[in-house]
Amino acid sequence: MRSGGRWANISGWGSSARFTERQAAPSMSSLRKASLREPSGRFRRIPWRVITEGLRRLAASIADQAGGSYKLELREGMAVVNDGAALRRMKQAAGQVLGKEKVHVLHPPSLTGEDFGWYLDQVPGAFGFIGCGNPDRGIVHAIHQPTFDLDEDVLVHGTRIWVRLALHDVYE
C-alpha cells in the first residue's frame, strides 16, 4: 500500500504489510504501543487503528484476488519491554555461560509477540532468545516452518543461564 508517502515496513507479521509514514503520523489519535520501522531504520509509534485497517485492506485484497473471502481476527497483547537491570543481569549470566562474544542484544528491537509481556508489565524482567540451530547438523530452518528442528544439545546452555541468574539473586 502506498498513498504518496514513503514505504515503511511493519515487522512482526508473516505478510508484507506496509503503511506509509504519512498514514502513521504520531499525532493521530488512539495511539497504542505499536511501531513501524522506516527504511532509514528509525522507529515510529503508529495508531492501532491504522494497523488494523491496513490489515483488513490487505486481507480483503488477497481474498478478492484468490476469489475467496476472509475473516480477520486480531487479539491485542502486551508489548515485551525488558527492564534495563534485568537485561544487564541476563547478559552477564549468558556471557559467563556462552562467552561474551556470543551474546547479542537485538538492535533494532524485535517485534516478537509473546505472552511474557503481560508478566513484564507487572514485574521487572527480561526476555531473551537462545539459538537452537546447528548448520553442521542441517538444523537451519526457522521456527513456525514445517521443517523446523532444534539442536537439543543447546538446551543445557539455557538451563545453565537460568541457574546463574538464580544464584545471582540468592547470593548477590
C-alpha atoms as a PDB file:
ATOM      1  CA  MET A   1       0.000   0.000   0.000  1.00  0.00           C
ATOM      2  CA  ARG A   2       1.233   3.438  -0.822  1.00  0.00           C
ATOM      3  CA  SER A   3      -0.525   6.769  -0.902  1.00  0.00           C
ATOM      4  CA  GLY A   4       2.076   9.369  -1.661  1.00  0.00           C
ATOM      5  CA  GLY A   5       4.399   8.831   1.286  1.00  0.00           C
ATOM      6  CA  ARG A   6       7.485   6.694   1.680  1.00  0.00           C
ATOM      7  CA  TRP A   7       7.225   2.942   2.247  1.00  0.00           C
ATOM      8  CA  ALA A   8       7.668   1.763   5.806  1.00  0.00           C
ATOM      9  CA  ASN A   9       7.783  -1.886   6.860  1.00  0.00           C
ATOM     10  CA  ILE A  10       5.957  -3.219   9.847  1.00  0.00           C
ATOM     11  CA  SER A  11       7.893  -6.193  11.123  1.00  0.00           C
ATOM     12  CA  GLY A  12       6.410  -8.983  13.153  1.00  0.00           C
ATOM     13  CA  TRP A  13       3.681 -10.226  10.837  1.00  0.00           C
ATOM     14  CA  GLY A  14       4.135 -13.013   8.335  1.00  0.00           C
ATOM     15  CA  SER A  15       2.937 -10.902   5.425  1.00  0.00           C
ATOM     16  CA  SER A  16       4.485  -7.798   3.920  1.00  0.00           C
ATOM     17  CA  ALA A  17       2.031  -5.337   5.386  1.00  0.00           C
ATOM     18  CA  ARG A  18       3.234  -1.835   4.596  1.00  0.00           C
ATOM     19  CA  PHE A  19       1.977   1.541   5.696  1.00  0.00           C
ATOM     20  CA  THR A  20       3.116   4.994   4.717  1.00  0.00           C
ATOM     21  CA  GLU A  21       4.838   7.375   7.073  1.00  0.00           C
ATOM     22  CA  ARG A  22       2.080   9.915   6.392  1.00  0.00           C
ATOM     23  CA  GLN A  23      -0.632   7.451   7.414  1.00  0.00           C
ATOM     24  CA  ALA A  24       1.253   6.718  10.605  1.00  0.00           C
ATOM     25  CA  ALA A  25       1.775  10.257  11.870  1.00  0.00           C
ATOM     26  CA  PRO A  26       2.373  10.198  15.640  1.00  0.00           C
ATOM     27  CA  SER A  27      -0.176  12.998  16.081  1.00  0.00           C
ATOM     28  CA  MET A  28      -3.059  10.699  15.076  1.00  0.00           C
ATOM     29  CA  SER A  29      -5.484   9.752  17.832  1.00  0.00           C
ATOM     30  CA  SER A  30      -5.853   6.383  19.572  1.00  0.00           C
ATOM     31  CA  LEU A  31      -2.117   5.752  19.771  1.00  0.00           C
ATOM     32  CA  ARG A  32      -1.137   2.285  21.047  1.00  0.00           C
ATOM     33  CA  LYS A  33       2.160   0.528  21.724  1.00  0.00           C
ATOM     34  CA  ALA A  34       2.777  -0.376  18.105  1.00  0.00           C
ATOM     35  CA  SER A  35       5.597   0.885  15.991  1.00  0.00           C
ATOM     36  CA  LEU A  36       6.868   0.783  12.461  1.00  0.00           C
ATOM     37  CA  ARG A  37      10.380   0.671  11.142  1.00  0.00           C
ATOM     38  CA  GLU A  38      11.102   3.160   8.409  1.00  0.00           C
ATOM     39  CA  PRO A  39      13.566   2.429   5.602  1.00  0.00           C
ATOM     40  CA  SER A  40      16.052   4.643   7.483  1.00  0.00           C
ATOM     41  CA  GLY A  41      15.930   2.197  10.413  1.00  0.00           C
ATOM     42  CA  ARG A  42      14.123   4.707  12.641  1.00  0.00           C
ATOM     43  CA  PHE A  43      11.070   3.510  14.628  1.00  0.00           C
ATOM     44  CA  ARG A  44       7.792   5.428  14.958  1.00  0.00           C
ATOM     45  CA  ARG A  45       4.727   4.701  17.032  1.00  0.00           C
ATOM     46  CA  ILE A  46       1.598   4.237  14.981  1.00  0.00           C
ATOM     47  CA  PRO A  47      -2.095   4.113  15.874  1.00  0.00           C
ATOM     48  CA  TRP A  48      -3.571   0.650  16.303  1.00  0.00           C
ATOM     49  CA  ARG A  49      -6.485   1.602  14.049  1.00  0.00           C
ATOM     50  CA  VAL A  50      -4.043   2.304  11.194  1.00  0.00           C
ATOM     51  CA  ILE A  51      -2.590  -1.180  11.601  1.00  0.00           C
ATOM     52  CA  THR A  52      -5.969  -2.909  11.765  1.00  0.00           C
ATOM     53  CA  GLU A  53      -7.385  -1.026   8.786  1.00  0.00           C
ATOM     54  CA  GLY A  54      -4.269  -1.797   6.749  1.00  0.00           C
ATOM     55  CA  LEU A  55      -4.509  -5.489   7.632  1.00  0.00           C
ATOM     56  CA  ARG A  56      -8.212  -5.535   6.706  1.00  0.00           C
ATOM     57  CA  ARG A  57      -7.443  -3.989   3.307  1.00  0.00           C
ATOM     58  CA  LEU A  58      -4.581  -6.431   2.758  1.00  0.00           C
ATOM     59  CA  ALA A  59      -6.708  -9.461   3.713  1.00  0.00           C
ATOM     60  CA  ALA A  60      -9.606  -8.271   1.528  1.00  0.00           C
ATOM     61  CA  SER A  61      -7.278  -7.739  -1.422  1.00  0.00           C
ATOM     62  CA  ILE A  62      -5.695 -11.184  -1.114  1.00  0.00           C
ATOM     63  CA  ALA A  63      -9.078 -12.876  -0.688  1.00  0.00           C
ATOM     64  CA  ASP A  64     -10.524 -10.966  -3.657  1.00  0.00           C
ATOM     65  CA  GLN A  65      -7.604 -11.909  -5.915  1.00  0.00           C
ATOM     66  CA  ALA A  66      -7.999 -15.563  -4.924  1.00  0.00           C
ATOM     67  CA  GLY A  67     -11.781 -15.490  -5.378  1.00  0.00           C
ATOM     68  CA  GLY A  68     -12.401 -16.201  -1.707  1.00  0.00           C
ATOM     69  CA  SER A  69     -13.344 -14.480   1.492  1.00  0.00           C
ATOM     70  CA  TYR A  70     -11.534 -13.735   4.727  1.00  0.00           C
ATOM     71  CA  LYS A  71     -12.150 -13.472   8.431  1.00  0.00           C
ATOM     72  CA  LEU A  72      -9.645 -11.283  10.257  1.00  0.00           C
ATOM     73  CA  GLU A  73      -9.306 -11.900  13.983  1.00  0.00           C
ATOM     74  CA  LEU A  74      -6.978  -9.616  15.899  1.00  0.00           C
ATOM     75  CA  ARG A  75      -6.004 -10.068  19.524  1.00  0.00           C
ATOM     76  CA  GLU A  76      -4.272  -7.244  21.302  1.00  0.00           C
ATOM     77  CA  GLY A  77      -1.380  -8.149  23.537  1.00  0.00           C
ATOM     78  CA  MET A  78       1.133  -6.568  25.828  1.00  0.00           C
ATOM     79  CA  ALA A  79       4.454  -5.401  24.427  1.00  0.00           C
ATOM     80  CA  VAL A  80       7.584  -7.147  25.688  1.00  0.00           C
ATOM     81  CA  VAL A  81       9.690  -4.394  27.271  1.00  0.00           C
ATOM     82  CA  ASN A  82      12.857  -5.541  29.034  1.00  0.00           C
ATOM     83  CA  ASP A  83      13.900  -3.921  32.306  1.00  0.00           C
ATOM     84  CA  GLY A  84      17.412  -2.461  31.979  1.00  0.00           C
ATOM     85  CA  ALA A  85      18.811  -4.026  35.174  1.00  0.00           C
ATOM     86  CA  ALA A  86      17.297  -7.435  34.377  1.00  0.00           C
ATOM     87  CA  LEU A  87      18.698  -7.268  30.856  1.00  0.00           C
ATOM     88  CA  ARG A  88      22.179  -6.482  32.224  1.00  0.00           C
ATOM     89  CA  ARG A  89      21.968  -9.476  34.610  1.00  0.00           C
ATOM     90  CA  MET A  90      20.799 -11.743  31.773  1.00  0.00           C
ATOM     91  CA  LYS A  91      23.628 -10.564  29.514  1.00  0.00           C
ATOM     92  CA  GLN A  92      26.152 -11.171  32.295  1.00  0.00           C
ATOM     93  CA  ALA A  93      24.846 -14.681  33.053  1.00  0.00           C
ATOM     94  CA  ALA A  94      24.691 -15.614  29.368  1.00  0.00           C
ATOM     95  CA  GLY A  95      28.201 -14.244  28.855  1.00  0.00           C
ATOM     96  CA  GLN A  96      29.517 -16.375  31.718  1.00  0.00           C
ATOM     97  CA  VAL A  97      27.924 -19.498  30.216  1.00  0.00           C
ATOM     98  CA  LEU A  98      28.406 -18.938  26.484  1.00  0.00           C
ATOM     99  CA  GLY A  99      31.198 -16.373  26.304  1.00  0.00           C
ATOM    100  CA  LYS A 100      30.563 -12.627  25.934  1.00  0.00           C
ATOM    101  CA  GLU A 101      31.255 -12.729  22.182  1.00  0.00           C
ATOM    102  CA  LYS A 102      28.190 -14.957  21.691  1.00  0.00           C
ATOM    103  CA  VAL A 103      25.719 -12.673  23.496  1.00  0.00           C
ATOM    104  CA  HIS A 104      23.955 -10.004  21.440  1.00  0.00           C
ATOM    105  CA  VAL A 105      21.193  -7.512  22.173  1.00  0.00           C
ATOM    106  CA  LEU A 106      18.855  -7.130  19.215  1.00  0.00           C
ATOM    107  CA  HIS A 107      19.098  -3.691  17.620  1.00  0.00           C
ATOM    108  CA  PRO A 108      16.655  -2.722  16.281  1.00  0.00           C
ATOM    109  CA  PRO A 109      14.315  -4.384  18.754  1.00  0.00           C
ATOM    110  CA  SER A 110      12.418  -7.483  17.743  1.00  0.00           C
ATOM    111  CA  LEU A 111       8.670  -7.091  17.392  1.00  0.00           C
ATOM    112  CA  THR A 112       8.141 -10.635  18.617  1.00  0.00           C
ATOM    113  CA  GLY A 113       4.712 -11.176  20.123  1.00  0.00           C
ATOM    114  CA  GLU A 114       4.888 -13.071  23.366  1.00  0.00           C
ATOM    115  CA  ASP A 115       2.667 -13.593  26.418  1.00  0.00           C
ATOM    116  CA  PHE A 116       5.701 -12.834  28.592  1.00  0.00           C
ATOM    117  CA  GLY A 117       4.896  -9.153  28.008  1.00  0.00           C
ATOM    118  CA  TRP A 118       1.993  -9.480  30.463  1.00  0.00           C
ATOM    119  CA  TYR A 119       4.460 -10.517  33.203  1.00  0.00           C
ATOM    120  CA  LEU A 120       6.888  -7.737  32.338  1.00  0.00           C
ATOM    121  CA  ASP A 121       4.059  -5.241  32.655  1.00  0.00           C
ATOM    122  CA  GLN A 122       3.782  -6.214  36.340  1.00  0.00           C
ATOM    123  CA  VAL A 123       7.364  -7.008  37.419  1.00  0.00           C
ATOM    124  CA  PRO A 124      10.804  -6.145  36.047  1.00  0.00           C
ATOM    125  CA  GLY A 125      12.400  -8.858  33.930  1.00  0.00           C
ATOM    126  CA  ALA A 126      13.985  -9.608  30.575  1.00  0.00           C
ATOM    127  CA  PHE A 127      13.060 -11.809  27.622  1.00  0.00           C
ATOM    128  CA  GLY A 128      15.776 -13.471  25.603  1.00  0.00           C
ATOM    129  CA  PHE A 129      16.377 -15.976  22.844  1.00  0.00           C
ATOM    130  CA  ILE A 130      18.811 -18.852  22.840  1.00  0.00           C
ATOM    131  CA  GLY A 131      19.792 -20.056  19.403  1.00  0.00           C
ATOM    132  CA  CYS A 132      18.883 -23.652  18.660  1.00  0.00           C
ATOM    133  CA  GLY A 133      20.157 -24.122  15.115  1.00  0.00           C
ATOM    134  CA  ASN A 134      23.199 -26.079  14.026  1.00  0.00           C
ATOM    135  CA  PRO A 135      24.221 -25.744  10.361  1.00  0.00           C
ATOM    136  CA  ASP A 136      26.749 -28.577  10.734  1.00  0.00           C
ATOM    137  CA  ARG A 137      23.855 -30.942  11.518  1.00  0.00           C
ATOM    138  CA  GLY A 138      21.474 -29.452   8.932  1.00  0.00           C
ATOM    139  CA  ILE A 139      19.337 -27.754  11.590  1.00  0.00           C
ATOM    140  CA  VAL A 140      18.788 -24.462   9.793  1.00  0.00           C
ATOM    141  CA  HIS A 141      15.031 -23.892   9.388  1.00  0.00           C
ATOM    142  CA  ALA A 142      13.214 -21.124  11.262  1.00  0.00           C
ATOM    143  CA  ILE A 143      10.556 -21.652  13.883  1.00  0.00           C
ATOM    144  CA  HIS A 144       6.972 -21.971  12.581  1.00  0.00           C
ATOM    145  CA  GLN A 145       8.237 -23.712   9.429  1.00  0.00           C
ATOM    146  CA  PRO A 146       7.210 -27.330   8.729  1.00  0.00           C
ATOM    147  CA  THR A 147      10.889 -28.304   8.508  1.00  0.00           C
ATOM    148  CA  PHE A 148      11.853 -26.656  11.824  1.00  0.00           C
ATOM    149  CA  ASP A 149      14.017 -28.690  14.162  1.00  0.00           C
ATOM    150  CA  LEU A 150      16.197 -27.763  17.101  1.00  0.00           C
ATOM    151  CA  ASP A 151      19.562 -28.916  18.318  1.00  0.00           C
ATOM    152  CA  GLU A 152      18.633 -30.309  21.727  1.00  0.00           C
ATOM    153  CA  ASP A 153      22.259 -30.065  22.825  1.00  0.00           C
ATOM    154  CA  VAL A 154      21.740 -26.302  23.330  1.00  0.00           C
ATOM    155  CA  LEU A 155      19.021 -26.805  25.951  1.00  0.00           C
ATOM    156  CA  VAL A 156      21.619 -27.356  28.667  1.00  0.00           C
ATOM    157  CA  HIS A 157      23.017 -23.883  27.973  1.00  0.00           C
ATOM    158  CA  GLY A 158      19.630 -22.272  28.645  1.00  0.00           C
ATOM    159  CA  THR A 159      19.393 -24.192  31.910  1.00  0.00           C
ATOM    160  CA  ARG A 160      22.895 -23.088  32.905  1.00  0.00           C
ATOM    161  CA  ILE A 161      21.968 -19.441  32.228  1.00  0.00           C
ATOM    162  CA  TRP A 162      18.875 -19.721  34.454  1.00  0.00           C
ATOM    163  CA  VAL A 163      20.915 -21.363  37.225  1.00  0.00           C
ATOM    164  CA  ARG A 164      23.402 -18.450  37.081  1.00  0.00           C
ATOM    165  CA  LEU A 165      20.526 -15.959  37.287  1.00  0.00           C
ATOM    166  CA  ALA A 166      19.005 -17.774  40.275  1.00  0.00           C
ATOM    167  CA  LEU A 167      22.342 -17.982  42.083  1.00  0.00           C
ATOM    168  CA  HIS A 168      22.961 -14.283  41.438  1.00  0.00           C
ATOM    169  CA  ASP A 169      19.620 -13.369  43.009  1.00  0.00           C
ATOM    170  CA  VAL A 170      20.263 -15.600  46.047  1.00  0.00           C
ATOM    171  CA  TYR A 171      23.898 -14.767  46.767  1.00  0.00           C
ATOM    172  CA  GLU A 172      24.445 -11.235  45.500  1.00  0.00           C
END
